C-alpha cells in the first residue's frame, strides 16, 4: 500500500510559442484546466502503475474541489483521508512554451491548511511494509511530522524535493529515498551548478555519508540512482516532448508503485524513467500520466 501525503491542485494551463522573459508579455495559444498538485499527480501515477493508493491532503469548498479529485477517484485511489476546508482549493498557474518547457506558480489554498496532526493521522494507519510518499507543496512542519512518524514505524519514505524550499535539505535527511531533479540535487548538496561528473561524485558522497537511496532525474538523459552502494544509470525514451510538467511526478509514482510490487530497485528506476518520458508526450499533468499497459509496451517494444 502507498500513502501519498501532499498537495491537491487544479492546474490552469496556457501554452505559448515561447516562455516570456521577466516583465514581458507574450501571446498565448491555448488555455485549459486539469487536475494537478504534486501529491495528487504522484498518487494517480502510482495507481495507474497498478498500486493500491491512499491520498491524504486537503481541498477547499469551491468549484475546483470536485474536478481536482475526479481522476483520482476514477483510478480507485482511496480519498477518505482528504479533508475539506473553508477557502479555495490549491491552484497552479502553468505556462508551457513551444519546446515543452514550463514555468509554474503554485497558490497553496487548502494545501496550506495541512498540519502536523494531519500527518500523524495519515501515518498512524501505515504498516512496516507500506510506502509513504511526500513532496514540498504542503507546510514543512506537516512534512517533517510525517517523516518522523514514518521513521518511528520503520515505514519506507520517498521524499520528492520539489518544490525546493529553505526547509528541503534538512527534511531530506529524514527520508529513506530522495528523488530530485538536477537543479534540486545541486541545491540539496549546496554546490553548483554541477556538471555530470561532479554530480555523480556528489551522489556517491551523500550516499556514503547517510546511507540513503538517492535518485536524480536527468530529463532527456533518464535518471542516475544509488542504492546499497551501487550506482545505476537508466535511460528514458528518445522523444520530442510536448509538455514536461508531469514527468517528475509520473517518475515518482511509478518508482513507488514498482518498489511496492517488490521489484528490484534498478527495474523500478528503469520503469519510472520510461513512464516519465511517456508523460511528456501529452499536455497537462494528470491527463498525461501513462497507464501501466502503455509503460509495459514501451519497455517491451
Protein backbone atom coordinates (compact mmCIF):
# COMPACT_ATOMS: atom_id res chain seq x y z
CA UNK A 1 0.00 0.00 0.00
CA UNK A 2 1.19 3.51 -0.85
CA UNK A 3 0.01 6.58 1.02
CA UNK A 4 0.68 9.94 -0.60
CA UNK A 5 0.68 12.86 1.82
CA UNK A 6 0.72 16.01 -0.23
CA UNK A 7 -0.90 18.63 -2.40
CA UNK A 8 -4.05 18.60 -4.49
CA UNK A 9 -4.49 21.38 -7.08
CA UNK A 10 -6.30 22.46 -10.15
CA UNK A 11 -3.88 23.40 -12.92
CA UNK A 12 -4.66 26.40 -15.12
CA UNK A 13 -2.57 25.89 -18.25
CA UNK A 14 -1.70 28.32 -21.03
CA UNK A 15 0.52 27.48 -24.00
CA UNK A 16 2.72 30.00 -25.77
CA UNK A 17 5.17 29.90 -28.65
CA UNK A 18 7.92 30.59 -26.11
CA UNK A 19 8.17 31.36 -22.42
CA UNK A 20 8.24 35.08 -21.54
CA UNK A 21 11.20 36.89 -20.04
CA UNK A 22 10.66 38.73 -16.72
CA UNK A 23 8.38 41.70 -17.34
CA UNK A 24 7.49 40.54 -20.86
CA UNK A 25 4.02 39.74 -22.22
CA UNK A 26 3.72 37.12 -24.96
CA UNK A 27 0.58 36.00 -26.81
CA UNK A 28 -0.95 32.69 -25.76
CA UNK A 29 -2.14 29.88 -27.99
CA UNK A 30 -4.47 27.73 -25.86
CA UNK A 31 -5.90 27.54 -22.34
CA UNK A 32 -7.11 24.50 -20.41
CA UNK A 33 -7.67 23.23 -16.89
CA UNK A 34 -6.56 19.89 -15.47
CA UNK A 35 -6.35 18.25 -12.08
CA UNK A 36 -2.88 18.55 -10.58
CA UNK A 37 -0.82 19.09 -7.46
CA UNK A 38 2.37 17.14 -6.93
CA UNK A 39 0.81 14.90 -4.32
CA UNK A 40 -2.26 14.10 -6.39
CA UNK A 41 -0.17 13.63 -9.54
CA UNK A 42 2.08 11.12 -7.81
CA UNK A 43 -0.89 9.29 -6.31
CA UNK A 44 -2.51 8.96 -9.73
CA UNK A 45 0.75 7.76 -11.30
CA UNK A 46 1.14 5.09 -8.64
CA UNK A 47 -2.48 3.99 -9.14
CA UNK A 48 -2.12 3.83 -12.91
CA UNK A 49 1.01 1.76 -12.38
CA UNK A 50 -1.16 -0.76 -10.55
CA UNK A 51 -0.62 0.05 -6.87
CA UNK A 52 -3.17 0.38 -4.08
CA UNK A 53 -3.02 4.05 -3.12
CA UNK A 54 -4.39 6.37 -0.44
CA UNK A 55 -4.33 10.15 -0.89
CA UNK A 56 -4.05 12.30 2.24
CA UNK A 57 -4.43 16.05 1.74
CA UNK A 58 -6.97 18.85 1.57
CA UNK A 59 -9.29 20.60 -0.88
CA UNK A 60 -11.43 23.70 -0.46
CA UNK A 61 -15.16 24.16 -0.57
CA UNK A 62 -15.19 25.62 -4.07
CA UNK A 63 -15.86 24.70 -7.68
CA UNK A 64 -12.35 23.29 -8.14
CA UNK A 65 -12.61 20.64 -5.39
CA UNK A 66 -14.60 18.05 -7.32
CA UNK A 67 -12.65 18.19 -10.60
CA UNK A 68 -9.36 18.19 -8.67
CA UNK A 69 -10.26 14.75 -7.29
CA UNK A 70 -12.07 13.30 -10.31
CA UNK A 71 -9.24 11.36 -11.95
CA UNK A 72 -8.03 10.06 -8.60
CA UNK A 73 -11.49 8.72 -7.90
CA UNK A 74 -11.72 7.16 -11.34
CA UNK A 75 -8.41 5.38 -10.67
CA UNK A 76 -9.81 3.97 -7.39
CA UNK A 77 -7.47 5.99 -5.15
CA UNK A 78 -8.77 5.95 -1.58
CA UNK A 79 -9.80 9.57 -0.95
CA UNK A 80 -11.16 9.16 2.56
CA UNK A 81 -8.07 10.88 4.11
CA UNK A 82 -8.72 14.05 2.05
CA UNK A 83 -10.25 16.76 4.23
CA UNK A 84 -12.44 19.64 3.03
CA UNK A 85 -11.74 23.09 4.45
CA UNK A 86 -13.20 26.55 4.03
CA UNK A 87 -11.49 28.54 1.28
CA UNK A 88 -10.12 27.72 -2.17
CA UNK A 89 -8.60 24.52 -3.47
CA UNK A 90 -4.93 24.90 -4.38
CA UNK A 91 -4.15 26.12 -7.88
CA UNK A 92 -1.14 26.04 -10.17
CA UNK A 93 -0.70 28.61 -12.93
CA UNK A 94 1.29 26.95 -15.70
CA UNK A 95 2.86 28.37 -18.85
CA UNK A 96 4.08 25.86 -21.44
CA UNK A 97 6.42 27.05 -24.19
CA UNK A 98 6.70 25.71 -27.70
CA UNK A 99 9.65 23.49 -26.77
CA UNK A 100 7.68 21.79 -23.99
CA UNK A 101 9.46 23.58 -21.15
CA UNK A 102 7.31 25.19 -18.49
CA UNK A 103 7.01 27.85 -15.78
CA UNK A 104 4.75 27.23 -12.78
CA UNK A 105 3.39 29.41 -9.95
CA UNK A 106 1.61 27.49 -7.18
CA UNK A 107 -1.02 29.06 -4.88
CA UNK A 108 -1.40 26.69 -1.88
CA UNK A 109 -5.05 27.32 -0.93
CA UNK A 110 -6.31 24.35 1.09
CA UNK A 111 -2.91 22.70 0.90
CA UNK A 112 -1.61 25.35 3.26
CA UNK A 113 -4.01 24.20 6.00
CA UNK A 114 -2.43 20.75 6.39
CA UNK A 115 -0.98 20.28 9.87
CA UNK A 116 1.34 18.05 11.87
CA UNK A 117 -1.79 16.47 13.35
CA UNK A 118 -2.93 15.54 9.84
CA UNK A 119 0.48 13.93 9.33
CA UNK A 120 0.09 11.83 12.46
CA UNK A 121 -3.34 10.70 11.30
CA UNK A 122 -2.06 9.76 7.83
CA UNK A 123 0.89 7.78 9.19
CA UNK A 124 -0.98 6.08 12.03
CA UNK A 125 -2.59 3.57 9.66
CA UNK A 126 0.67 2.57 7.94
CA UNK A 127 2.39 -0.79 8.35
CA UNK A 128 6.11 -1.50 8.11
CA UNK A 129 5.88 -2.77 4.52
CA UNK A 130 3.94 0.31 3.33
CA UNK A 131 5.38 3.29 1.47
CA UNK A 132 4.79 6.95 2.34
CA UNK A 133 5.41 9.48 -0.44
CA UNK A 134 5.86 13.21 0.22
CA UNK A 135 6.71 16.47 -1.55
CA UNK A 136 7.08 20.13 -0.57
CA UNK A 137 3.76 21.68 -1.66
CA UNK A 138 2.30 21.39 1.84
CA UNK A 139 3.64 23.06 5.02
CA UNK A 140 7.12 21.94 6.04
CA UNK A 141 6.05 21.18 9.62
CA UNK A 142 3.48 18.69 8.30
CA UNK A 143 6.08 17.03 6.06
CA UNK A 144 8.52 16.82 8.97
CA UNK A 145 5.93 15.30 11.29
CA UNK A 146 5.06 12.68 8.68
CA UNK A 147 8.71 11.77 8.05
CA UNK A 148 9.45 11.47 11.77
CA UNK A 149 6.34 9.39 12.47
CA UNK A 150 7.04 7.12 9.50
CA UNK A 151 10.62 6.64 10.67
CA UNK A 152 9.39 5.56 14.10
CA UNK A 153 7.21 2.91 12.41
CA UNK A 154 10.02 1.77 10.06
CA UNK A 155 7.92 2.78 7.06
CA UNK A 156 9.80 3.42 3.80
CA UNK A 157 9.54 7.09 2.80
CA UNK A 158 10.04 8.53 -0.67
CA UNK A 159 10.69 12.27 -0.47
CA UNK A 160 10.50 14.32 -3.66
CA UNK A 161 12.45 17.54 -3.10
CA UNK A 162 10.15 19.67 -5.28
CA UNK A 163 9.48 22.49 -5.00
CA UNK A 164 12.79 23.18 -3.28
CA UNK A 165 12.47 25.46 -0.24
CA UNK A 166 14.76 26.53 2.59
CA UNK A 167 13.50 23.55 4.63
CA UNK A 168 14.02 20.90 1.98
CA UNK A 169 17.65 19.96 2.61
CA UNK A 170 17.02 19.48 6.33
CA UNK A 171 13.89 17.39 5.79
CA UNK A 172 15.57 15.24 3.14
CA UNK A 173 17.85 13.80 5.83
CA UNK A 174 14.79 12.13 7.39
CA UNK A 175 13.77 10.18 4.27
CA UNK A 176 14.58 6.66 3.13
CA UNK A 177 14.65 7.54 -0.58
CA UNK A 178 15.26 11.03 -2.00
CA UNK A 179 14.14 11.92 -5.53
CA UNK A 180 15.43 15.18 -7.04
CA UNK A 181 15.95 16.68 -10.45
CA UNK A 182 19.37 18.04 -11.35
CA UNK A 183 18.74 21.56 -10.09
CA UNK A 184 17.21 20.35 -6.82
CA UNK A 185 20.06 17.94 -6.18
CA UNK A 186 22.63 20.70 -6.66
CA UNK A 187 20.70 22.80 -4.13
CA UNK A 188 20.44 19.80 -1.81
CA UNK A 189 24.21 19.42 -1.61
CA UNK A 190 24.80 23.18 -1.60
CA UNK A 191 27.01 23.25 -4.67
CA UNK A 192 26.56 24.03 -8.27
CA UNK A 193 25.67 24.20 -10.88
CA UNK A 194 27.44 20.82 -11.13
CA UNK A 195 28.48 19.10 -14.33
CA UNK A 196 27.63 15.42 -14.87
CA UNK A 197 30.88 14.11 -13.38
CA UNK A 198 30.67 16.36 -10.32
CA UNK A 199 27.05 15.38 -9.73
CA UNK A 200 27.84 11.67 -9.80
CA UNK A 201 30.66 12.25 -7.33
CA UNK A 202 28.27 14.16 -5.07
CA UNK A 203 25.71 11.34 -5.27
CA UNK A 204 28.36 8.88 -4.10
CA UNK A 205 29.43 11.25 -1.32
CA UNK A 206 25.93 11.77 0.09
CA UNK A 207 25.15 8.07 -0.06
CA UNK A 208 28.38 7.17 1.70
CA UNK A 209 27.59 9.68 4.45
CA UNK A 210 23.90 8.97 5.02
CA UNK A 211 23.22 5.53 3.55
CA UNK A 212 20.12 6.93 1.88
CA UNK A 213 18.96 5.89 -1.55
CA UNK A 214 19.27 8.81 -3.99
CA UNK A 215 17.58 9.21 -7.35
CA UNK A 216 18.38 12.16 -9.61
CA UNK A 217 16.19 12.62 -12.68
CA UNK A 218 18.12 13.96 -15.65
CA UNK A 219 15.45 14.99 -18.13
CA UNK A 220 16.16 13.57 -21.56
CA UNK A 221 19.14 11.67 -20.14
CA UNK A 222 17.00 9.47 -17.89
CA UNK A 223 18.00 9.08 -14.25
CA UNK A 224 21.01 8.32 -12.07
CA UNK A 225 20.47 6.49 -8.79
CA UNK A 226 22.46 4.94 -5.98
CA UNK A 227 21.15 2.17 -3.73
CA UNK A 228 23.02 -0.02 -1.27
CA UNK A 229 26.34 1.17 -2.65
CA UNK A 230 25.54 0.51 -6.32
CA UNK A 231 25.20 3.31 -8.89
CA UNK A 232 22.72 2.92 -11.73
CA UNK A 233 22.00 4.98 -14.82
CA UNK A 234 18.70 4.37 -16.57
CA UNK A 235 17.87 5.96 -19.91
CA UNK A 236 14.42 7.23 -20.79
CA UNK A 237 12.86 7.20 -24.25
CA UNK A 238 14.05 9.37 -27.11
CA UNK A 239 11.08 11.65 -27.66
CA UNK A 240 10.02 15.07 -28.85
CA UNK A 241 8.40 16.48 -25.69
CA UNK A 242 5.03 18.18 -25.86
CA UNK A 243 4.81 19.17 -22.19
CA UNK A 244 7.22 18.18 -19.38
CA UNK A 245 5.03 19.39 -16.49
CA UNK A 246 4.00 15.93 -15.25
CA UNK A 247 7.18 13.99 -15.93
CA UNK A 248 8.76 14.21 -12.49
CA UNK A 249 5.58 13.28 -10.65
CA UNK A 250 4.97 10.38 -13.01
CA UNK A 251 8.50 9.17 -12.31
CA UNK A 252 7.93 9.31 -8.55
CA UNK A 253 4.59 7.50 -8.68
CA UNK A 254 5.89 4.71 -10.88
CA UNK A 255 9.03 4.34 -8.74
CA UNK A 256 6.90 3.93 -5.60
CA UNK A 257 4.46 1.53 -7.25
CA UNK A 258 7.19 -0.67 -8.67
CA UNK A 259 9.04 -0.84 -5.36
CA UNK A 260 5.71 -1.63 -3.66
CA UNK A 261 5.37 -4.61 -6.02
CA UNK A 262 8.66 -5.92 -4.68
CA UNK A 263 10.61 -5.48 -7.92
CA UNK A 264 14.38 -4.87 -7.72
CA UNK A 265 15.49 -1.26 -7.37
CA UNK A 266 17.15 -0.98 -10.84
CA UNK A 267 13.97 -2.26 -12.50
CA UNK A 268 11.92 0.28 -10.57
CA UNK A 269 14.12 3.18 -11.71
CA UNK A 270 14.03 1.94 -15.31
CA UNK A 271 10.23 1.64 -15.31
CA UNK A 272 9.91 5.08 -13.73
CA UNK A 273 12.22 6.64 -16.35
CA UNK A 274 10.18 5.17 -19.20
CA UNK A 275 6.93 6.35 -17.62
CA UNK A 276 8.35 9.84 -17.12
CA UNK A 277 9.27 10.00 -20.80
CA UNK A 278 5.78 8.95 -21.89
CA UNK A 279 4.25 11.65 -19.68
CA UNK A 280 5.96 14.28 -21.85
CA UNK A 281 4.01 13.25 -24.94
CA UNK A 282 0.67 14.81 -23.88
CA UNK A 283 -0.27 18.19 -22.43
CA UNK A 284 -1.14 18.62 -18.77
CA UNK A 285 -0.04 16.76 -15.67
CA UNK A 286 -2.61 14.13 -14.72
CA UNK A 287 -4.08 13.64 -18.21
CA UNK A 288 -0.57 12.83 -19.49
CA UNK A 289 0.26 10.15 -16.90
CA UNK A 290 0.51 6.85 -18.81
CA UNK A 291 -1.28 3.63 -17.92
CA UNK A 292 0.76 0.67 -16.77
CA UNK A 293 -0.01 -1.13 -20.03
CA UNK A 294 1.44 1.76 -22.04
CA UNK A 295 4.63 1.70 -19.99
CA UNK A 296 4.92 -2.08 -20.35
CA UNK A 297 4.52 -1.77 -24.12
CA UNK A 298 7.25 0.87 -24.28
CA UNK A 299 9.62 -1.26 -22.19
CA UNK A 300 8.97 -4.43 -24.19
CA UNK A 301 8.64 -2.80 -27.59
